[in-house]
């Protein structure tokens, strides 16, 4: 005795869904610049002078801004497929905190750009003593005992 046949359409739909999810999703935008120029720039208005917020039109010249906007873009690319909470998650967990950091007039990467783009000044760094840090690709220890260096 053979089992009853089920309609082919649901099986085909399941296979199609499985094949679709097995492939990586295609990007809507080719890079972060396309995303910022075509979509992201329209979500915000230019900060008004009284707000204290600062934006630099040459955002791509600021490493922190480039990194943050790239992560916002990549999150958008992923979360746009979630019809329920995707965009809410994107705004609350990705855009809002990153934009607060980017537009901050004191600590943000554009703080010096109120009158036009100004190059960023990296943090001053003193090279650590030889042997303090180990190559993490080779061992599980992050650093030697720093008190042994005194």
N, C-alpha and C. Protein backbone atom coordinates (compact mmCIF):
# COMPACT_ATOMS: atom_id res chain seq x y z
N UNK A 1 0.84 -1.17 0.00
CA UNK A 1 0.00 0.00 0.00
C UNK A 1 0.89 1.25 0.00
N UNK A 2 0.61 2.18 -0.86
CA UNK A 2 1.40 3.41 -0.95
C UNK A 2 0.73 4.51 -0.14
N UNK A 3 1.55 5.39 0.49
CA UNK A 3 0.96 6.48 1.27
C UNK A 3 0.23 7.45 0.36
N UNK A 4 -0.75 8.14 0.92
CA UNK A 4 -1.49 9.11 0.10
C UNK A 4 -0.55 10.19 -0.41
N UNK A 5 -0.80 10.62 -1.62
CA UNK A 5 0.02 11.66 -2.24
C UNK A 5 -0.37 13.04 -1.69
N UNK A 6 0.64 13.83 -1.45
CA UNK A 6 0.37 15.22 -1.06
C UNK A 6 0.55 16.08 -2.30
N UNK A 7 -0.08 17.20 -2.34
CA UNK A 7 0.07 18.05 -3.52
C UNK A 7 1.53 18.44 -3.72
N UNK A 8 1.95 18.52 -4.99
CA UNK A 8 3.33 18.85 -5.29
C UNK A 8 3.69 20.28 -4.95
N UNK A 9 2.76 21.18 -5.04
CA UNK A 9 3.05 22.59 -4.85
C UNK A 9 3.71 22.90 -3.51
N UNK A 10 3.19 22.41 -2.36
CA UNK A 10 3.87 22.71 -1.10
C UNK A 10 5.29 22.18 -1.04
N UNK A 11 5.54 20.99 -1.60
CA UNK A 11 6.89 20.44 -1.61
C UNK A 11 7.81 21.34 -2.44
N UNK A 12 7.32 21.77 -3.60
CA UNK A 12 8.11 22.67 -4.44
C UNK A 12 8.38 23.99 -3.72
N UNK A 13 7.37 24.51 -3.00
CA UNK A 13 7.57 25.75 -2.26
C UNK A 13 8.63 25.58 -1.19
N UNK A 14 8.60 24.45 -0.50
CA UNK A 14 9.59 24.19 0.56
C UNK A 14 10.97 24.10 -0.04
N UNK A 15 11.10 23.38 -1.16
CA UNK A 15 12.41 23.27 -1.80
C UNK A 15 12.91 24.64 -2.26
N UNK A 16 12.00 25.42 -2.83
CA UNK A 16 12.37 26.75 -3.28
C UNK A 16 12.84 27.61 -2.11
N UNK A 17 12.12 27.54 -0.98
CA UNK A 17 12.53 28.29 0.20
C UNK A 17 13.89 27.83 0.70
N UNK A 18 14.10 26.51 0.72
CA UNK A 18 15.37 25.98 1.19
C UNK A 18 16.52 26.44 0.28
N UNK A 19 16.29 26.45 -1.03
CA UNK A 19 17.31 26.89 -1.96
C UNK A 19 17.59 28.38 -1.79
N UNK A 20 16.52 29.15 -1.58
CA UNK A 20 16.68 30.60 -1.41
C UNK A 20 17.51 30.90 -0.17
N UNK A 21 17.24 30.22 0.94
CA UNK A 21 17.95 30.50 2.18
C UNK A 21 19.37 29.92 2.16
N UNK A 22 19.65 28.98 1.28
CA UNK A 22 20.98 28.40 1.19
C UNK A 22 21.93 29.38 0.49
N UNK A 23 21.38 30.28 -0.36
CA UNK A 23 22.20 31.28 -1.05
C UNK A 23 22.37 32.51 -0.17
N UNK A 24 23.51 33.14 -0.24
CA UNK A 24 23.63 34.41 0.49
C UNK A 24 22.74 35.45 -0.17
N UNK A 25 22.14 36.30 0.65
CA UNK A 25 21.28 37.35 0.12
C UNK A 25 22.12 38.32 -0.70
N UNK A 26 21.57 38.77 -1.81
CA UNK A 26 22.27 39.74 -2.62
C UNK A 26 22.14 41.12 -1.98
N UNK A 27 23.19 41.88 -2.10
CA UNK A 27 23.17 43.23 -1.56
C UNK A 27 22.31 44.13 -2.44
N UNK A 28 21.58 45.03 -1.81
CA UNK A 28 20.80 46.02 -2.55
C UNK A 28 21.74 47.12 -3.05
N UNK A 29 22.66 47.55 -2.18
CA UNK A 29 23.64 48.57 -2.53
C UNK A 29 25.01 47.91 -2.67
N UNK A 30 25.81 48.42 -3.60
CA UNK A 30 27.13 47.85 -3.84
C UNK A 30 28.15 48.20 -2.79
N UNK A 31 27.94 49.31 -2.07
CA UNK A 31 28.88 49.72 -1.04
C UNK A 31 28.23 50.76 -0.14
N UNK A 32 28.94 51.14 0.91
CA UNK A 32 28.40 52.07 1.90
C UNK A 32 28.17 53.45 1.29
N UNK A 33 29.00 53.87 0.36
CA UNK A 33 28.82 55.18 -0.26
C UNK A 33 27.48 55.25 -1.00
N UNK A 34 27.18 54.24 -1.78
CA UNK A 34 25.89 54.20 -2.49
C UNK A 34 24.73 54.29 -1.49
N UNK A 35 24.85 53.55 -0.41
CA UNK A 35 23.80 53.53 0.61
C UNK A 35 23.62 54.92 1.24
N UNK A 36 24.72 55.56 1.62
CA UNK A 36 24.63 56.87 2.27
C UNK A 36 24.04 57.90 1.31
N UNK A 37 24.52 57.93 0.09
CA UNK A 37 24.08 58.94 -0.88
C UNK A 37 22.64 58.71 -1.33
N UNK A 38 22.26 57.47 -1.57
CA UNK A 38 20.95 57.18 -2.13
C UNK A 38 19.84 57.06 -1.09
N UNK A 39 20.14 56.62 0.11
CA UNK A 39 19.09 56.36 1.09
C UNK A 39 19.32 57.06 2.43
N UNK A 40 20.46 56.81 3.04
CA UNK A 40 20.68 57.25 4.41
C UNK A 40 20.62 58.76 4.56
N UNK A 41 21.17 59.51 3.62
CA UNK A 41 21.19 60.97 3.70
C UNK A 41 19.77 61.55 3.76
N UNK A 42 18.79 60.82 3.26
CA UNK A 42 17.41 61.31 3.24
C UNK A 42 16.66 61.03 4.54
N UNK A 43 17.25 60.23 5.41
CA UNK A 43 16.62 59.93 6.70
C UNK A 43 16.83 61.05 7.71
N UNK A 44 17.78 61.93 7.44
CA UNK A 44 18.15 62.96 8.40
C UNK A 44 18.18 64.31 7.70
N UNK A 45 17.96 65.36 8.46
CA UNK A 45 18.15 66.70 7.92
C UNK A 45 19.50 67.22 8.42
N UNK A 46 20.02 68.21 7.71
CA UNK A 46 21.29 68.81 8.13
C UNK A 46 21.12 69.35 9.54
N UNK A 47 22.04 69.04 10.45
CA UNK A 47 21.91 69.54 11.82
C UNK A 47 21.85 71.08 11.84
N UNK A 48 20.86 71.60 12.52
CA UNK A 48 20.72 73.04 12.65
C UNK A 48 21.78 73.57 13.61
N UNK A 49 22.21 74.83 13.44
CA UNK A 49 23.25 75.39 14.31
C UNK A 49 22.93 75.28 15.80
N UNK A 50 21.69 75.44 16.20
CA UNK A 50 21.36 75.41 17.62
C UNK A 50 21.37 74.03 18.24
N UNK A 51 21.43 72.98 17.44
CA UNK A 51 21.37 71.62 17.99
C UNK A 51 22.69 71.20 18.60
N UNK A 52 23.78 71.81 18.14
CA UNK A 52 25.09 71.41 18.61
C UNK A 52 25.62 70.19 17.88
N UNK A 53 24.81 69.57 17.03
CA UNK A 53 25.26 68.40 16.29
C UNK A 53 26.09 68.83 15.09
N UNK A 54 27.02 67.98 14.70
CA UNK A 54 27.91 68.31 13.58
C UNK A 54 27.94 67.13 12.61
N UNK A 55 27.82 67.43 11.32
CA UNK A 55 27.93 66.44 10.25
C UNK A 55 29.00 66.94 9.28
N UNK A 56 29.77 66.04 8.75
CA UNK A 56 30.78 66.40 7.75
C UNK A 56 30.37 65.79 6.42
N UNK A 57 30.19 66.63 5.38
CA UNK A 57 29.84 66.09 4.06
C UNK A 57 30.91 65.13 3.52
N UNK A 58 32.11 65.26 4.01
CA UNK A 58 33.19 64.35 3.61
C UNK A 58 33.37 63.27 4.67
N UNK A 59 32.26 62.67 5.05
CA UNK A 59 32.21 61.65 6.11
C UNK A 59 33.18 60.51 5.85
N UNK A 60 33.40 60.16 4.60
CA UNK A 60 34.26 59.03 4.23
C UNK A 60 35.73 59.28 4.54
N UNK A 61 36.09 60.53 4.91
CA UNK A 61 37.47 60.84 5.29
C UNK A 61 37.73 60.63 6.78
N UNK A 62 36.72 60.25 7.50
CA UNK A 62 36.83 60.02 8.95
C UNK A 62 36.69 58.52 9.20
N UNK A 63 37.75 57.90 9.68
CA UNK A 63 37.77 56.45 9.86
C UNK A 63 36.62 55.96 10.73
N UNK A 64 36.35 56.66 11.85
CA UNK A 64 35.26 56.22 12.73
C UNK A 64 33.92 56.32 12.02
N UNK A 65 33.70 57.41 11.29
CA UNK A 65 32.44 57.58 10.58
C UNK A 65 32.28 56.51 9.51
N UNK A 66 33.33 56.26 8.77
CA UNK A 66 33.28 55.24 7.73
C UNK A 66 32.96 53.88 8.32
N UNK A 67 33.59 53.54 9.43
CA UNK A 67 33.34 52.26 10.07
C UNK A 67 31.90 52.17 10.59
N UNK A 68 31.44 53.23 11.26
CA UNK A 68 30.07 53.22 11.80
C UNK A 68 29.03 53.17 10.69
N UNK A 69 29.21 53.97 9.65
CA UNK A 69 28.23 53.99 8.56
C UNK A 69 28.26 52.68 7.78
N UNK A 70 29.43 52.08 7.65
CA UNK A 70 29.52 50.78 7.01
C UNK A 70 28.75 49.73 7.81
N UNK A 71 28.87 49.79 9.14
CA UNK A 71 28.13 48.81 9.96
C UNK A 71 26.63 49.08 9.90
N UNK A 72 26.23 50.35 9.83
CA UNK A 72 24.80 50.68 9.69
C UNK A 72 24.29 50.14 8.36
N UNK A 73 25.06 50.32 7.30
CA UNK A 73 24.65 49.83 5.98
C UNK A 73 24.53 48.30 5.99
N UNK A 74 25.53 47.62 6.54
CA UNK A 74 25.49 46.16 6.55
C UNK A 74 24.32 45.63 7.38
N UNK A 75 24.03 46.30 8.49
CA UNK A 75 22.86 45.90 9.29
C UNK A 75 21.58 46.11 8.49
N UNK A 76 21.48 47.22 7.77
CA UNK A 76 20.30 47.47 6.94
C UNK A 76 20.15 46.37 5.88
N UNK A 77 21.25 46.01 5.23
CA UNK A 77 21.20 44.97 4.20
C UNK A 77 20.67 43.66 4.77
N UNK A 78 21.04 43.34 5.99
CA UNK A 78 20.59 42.10 6.62
C UNK A 78 19.15 42.22 7.14
N UNK A 79 18.87 43.30 7.85
CA UNK A 79 17.59 43.42 8.54
C UNK A 79 16.42 43.79 7.61
N UNK A 80 16.70 44.23 6.40
CA UNK A 80 15.62 44.58 5.48
C UNK A 80 14.77 43.37 5.10
N UNK A 81 15.29 42.18 5.32
CA UNK A 81 14.55 40.97 5.01
C UNK A 81 13.59 40.55 6.13
N UNK A 82 13.69 41.17 7.29
CA UNK A 82 12.81 40.84 8.41
C UNK A 82 11.59 41.76 8.35
N UNK A 83 10.44 41.24 7.91
CA UNK A 83 9.27 42.09 7.74
C UNK A 83 8.62 42.52 9.06
N UNK A 84 8.92 41.83 10.13
CA UNK A 84 8.27 42.15 11.40
C UNK A 84 9.03 43.21 12.18
N UNK A 85 10.26 42.92 12.56
CA UNK A 85 11.00 43.81 13.45
C UNK A 85 12.31 44.33 12.84
N UNK A 86 12.58 44.00 11.61
CA UNK A 86 13.85 44.36 11.01
C UNK A 86 14.19 45.83 11.08
N UNK A 87 13.32 46.68 10.57
CA UNK A 87 13.62 48.11 10.53
C UNK A 87 13.58 48.74 11.91
N UNK A 88 12.70 48.27 12.77
CA UNK A 88 12.67 48.79 14.14
C UNK A 88 13.99 48.45 14.83
N UNK A 89 14.44 47.22 14.69
CA UNK A 89 15.72 46.78 15.25
C UNK A 89 16.86 47.63 14.67
N UNK A 90 16.79 47.86 13.37
CA UNK A 90 17.84 48.64 12.70
C UNK A 90 17.93 50.05 13.29
N UNK A 91 16.79 50.71 13.44
CA UNK A 91 16.80 52.07 13.99
C UNK A 91 17.26 52.09 15.45
N UNK A 92 16.66 51.26 16.28
CA UNK A 92 16.91 51.31 17.72
C UNK A 92 18.31 50.83 18.09
N UNK A 93 18.77 49.76 17.46
CA UNK A 93 20.03 49.15 17.87
C UNK A 93 21.23 49.53 17.01
N UNK A 94 21.00 50.09 15.86
CA UNK A 94 22.12 50.40 14.97
C UNK A 94 22.21 51.90 14.65
N UNK A 95 21.14 52.47 14.13
CA UNK A 95 21.19 53.87 13.70
C UNK A 95 21.25 54.83 14.88
N UNK A 96 20.30 54.74 15.79
CA UNK A 96 20.22 55.72 16.88
C UNK A 96 21.52 55.84 17.68
N UNK A 97 22.09 54.75 18.19
CA UNK A 97 23.33 54.94 18.97
C UNK A 97 24.51 55.41 18.12
N UNK A 98 24.60 54.94 16.88
CA UNK A 98 25.71 55.37 16.04
C UNK A 98 25.59 56.83 15.62
N UNK A 99 24.38 57.29 15.35
CA UNK A 99 24.22 58.70 14.98
C UNK A 99 24.47 59.62 16.16
N UNK A 100 24.09 59.21 17.36
CA UNK A 100 24.43 60.03 18.54
C UNK A 100 25.95 60.19 18.64
N UNK A 101 26.67 59.09 18.41
CA UNK A 101 28.13 59.15 18.49
C UNK A 101 28.72 59.96 17.33
N UNK A 102 28.19 59.78 16.13
CA UNK A 102 28.73 60.49 14.97
C UNK A 102 28.51 62.00 15.05
N UNK A 103 27.32 62.41 15.47
CA UNK A 103 26.97 63.83 15.45
C UNK A 103 27.35 64.58 16.71
N UNK A 104 27.93 63.90 17.68
CA UNK A 104 28.29 64.54 18.94
C UNK A 104 29.30 65.67 18.68
N UNK A 105 28.98 66.89 19.11
CA UNK A 105 29.84 68.03 18.80
C UNK A 105 31.14 68.08 19.60
N UNK A 106 31.26 67.27 20.62
CA UNK A 106 32.46 67.28 21.45
C UNK A 106 33.34 66.06 21.18
N UNK A 107 32.73 64.88 21.15
CA UNK A 107 33.52 63.65 21.02
C UNK A 107 33.35 62.94 19.68
N UNK A 108 32.44 63.39 18.85
CA UNK A 108 32.19 62.73 17.57
C UNK A 108 33.31 62.99 16.57
N UNK A 109 33.40 62.16 15.53
CA UNK A 109 34.47 62.31 14.55
C UNK A 109 34.39 63.60 13.74
N UNK A 110 33.21 64.25 13.72
CA UNK A 110 33.04 65.48 12.96
C UNK A 110 33.16 66.73 13.84
N UNK A 111 33.54 66.59 15.09
CA UNK A 111 33.56 67.70 16.04
C UNK A 111 34.32 68.91 15.52
N UNK A 112 35.37 68.71 14.78
CA UNK A 112 36.19 69.82 14.27
C UNK A 112 35.70 70.32 12.91
N UNK A 113 34.64 69.74 12.37
CA UNK A 113 34.20 70.05 11.01
C UNK A 113 33.03 71.03 10.93
N UNK A 114 32.73 71.75 11.99
CA UNK A 114 31.59 72.67 11.98
C UNK A 114 31.71 73.70 10.86
N UNK A 115 32.91 74.14 10.55
CA UNK A 115 33.12 75.12 9.48
C UNK A 115 33.59 74.50 8.18
N UNK A 116 33.48 73.22 8.03
CA UNK A 116 33.97 72.50 6.85
C UNK A 116 34.89 71.37 7.30
N UNK A 117 35.18 70.47 6.41
CA UNK A 117 35.98 69.29 6.76
C UNK A 117 37.34 69.68 7.32
N UNK A 118 37.70 69.06 8.41
CA UNK A 118 39.03 69.18 9.01
C UNK A 118 39.56 67.77 9.23
N UNK A 119 40.82 67.53 8.90
CA UNK A 119 41.36 66.18 9.08
C UNK A 119 41.34 65.77 10.56
N UNK A 120 41.11 64.52 10.77
CA UNK A 120 41.07 63.99 12.13
C UNK A 120 42.49 63.86 12.67
N UNK A 121 42.61 64.03 13.96
CA UNK A 121 43.90 63.81 14.63
C UNK A 121 43.79 62.52 15.42
N UNK A 122 44.61 61.53 15.10
CA UNK A 122 44.51 60.26 15.84
C UNK A 122 44.96 60.44 17.29
N UNK A 123 44.56 59.51 18.11
CA UNK A 123 45.00 59.51 19.51
C UNK A 123 46.51 59.38 19.58
N UNK A 124 47.15 60.05 20.53
CA UNK A 124 48.58 59.84 20.70
C UNK A 124 48.81 58.43 21.27
N UNK A 125 49.82 57.79 20.78
CA UNK A 125 50.12 56.42 21.20
C UNK A 125 51.61 56.28 21.43
N UNK A 126 51.97 55.65 22.54
CA UNK A 126 53.36 55.31 22.82
C UNK A 126 53.49 53.82 22.57
N UNK A 127 54.52 53.44 21.84
CA UNK A 127 54.74 52.03 21.53
C UNK A 127 54.98 51.26 22.83
N UNK A 128 54.29 50.15 22.97
CA UNK A 128 54.42 49.32 24.18
C UNK A 128 55.79 48.64 24.22
N UNK A 129 56.27 48.34 25.42
CA UNK A 129 57.56 47.65 25.54
C UNK A 129 57.53 46.29 24.83
N UNK A 130 58.65 45.93 24.24
CA UNK A 130 58.75 44.63 23.57
C UNK A 130 58.38 43.52 24.55
N UNK A 131 57.65 42.55 24.08
CA UNK A 131 57.29 41.39 24.87
C UNK A 131 56.03 41.55 25.72
N UNK A 132 55.46 42.75 25.77
CA UNK A 132 54.27 42.95 26.58
C UNK A 132 53.07 42.22 25.99
N UNK A 133 52.92 42.29 24.69
CA UNK A 133 51.79 41.64 24.03
C UNK A 133 52.26 40.45 23.23
N UNK A 134 51.45 39.43 23.23
CA UNK A 134 51.76 38.24 22.43
C UNK A 134 50.85 38.21 21.22
N UNK A 135 51.27 37.55 20.19
CA UNK A 135 50.47 37.41 18.97
C UNK A 135 49.30 36.49 19.29
N UNK A 136 48.11 37.02 19.28
CA UNK A 136 46.91 36.27 19.64
C UNK A 136 46.61 35.13 18.68
N UNK A 137 47.19 35.19 17.50
CA UNK A 137 47.00 34.09 16.54
C UNK A 137 47.80 32.87 16.96
N UNK A 138 48.77 33.07 17.85
CA UNK A 138 49.65 31.98 18.25
C UNK A 138 49.39 31.43 19.64
N UNK A 139 48.81 32.24 20.53
CA UNK A 139 48.57 31.76 21.89
C UNK A 139 47.27 32.35 22.42
N UNK A 140 46.78 31.80 23.49
CA UNK A 140 45.54 32.27 24.07
C UNK A 140 45.72 33.36 25.11
N UNK A 141 46.96 33.74 25.41
CA UNK A 141 47.21 34.73 26.45
C UNK A 141 47.23 36.13 25.84
N UNK A 142 46.45 37.08 26.37
CA UNK A 142 46.39 38.41 25.78
C UNK A 142 47.65 39.24 26.01
N UNK A 143 48.27 39.15 27.16
CA UNK A 143 49.48 39.92 27.45
C UNK A 143 50.20 39.30 28.64
N UNK A 144 51.44 39.68 28.79
CA UNK A 144 52.21 39.22 29.96
C UNK A 144 51.78 40.05 31.15
N UNK A 145 52.22 39.66 32.33
CA UNK A 145 51.90 40.40 33.54
C UNK A 145 52.51 41.79 33.46
N UNK A 146 51.66 42.85 33.36
CA UNK A 146 52.21 44.20 33.19
C UNK A 146 53.01 44.67 34.42
N UNK A 147 52.77 44.08 35.58
CA UNK A 147 53.50 44.49 36.78
C UNK A 147 54.94 43.97 36.76
N UNK A 148 55.22 42.98 35.91
CA UNK A 148 56.58 42.47 35.82
C UNK A 148 57.48 43.41 35.03
N UNK A 149 56.90 44.43 34.39
CA UNK A 149 57.68 45.38 33.59
C UNK A 149 58.24 46.51 34.40
N UNK A 150 57.76 46.72 35.61
CA UNK A 150 58.23 47.85 36.44
C UNK A 150 59.56 47.56 37.08
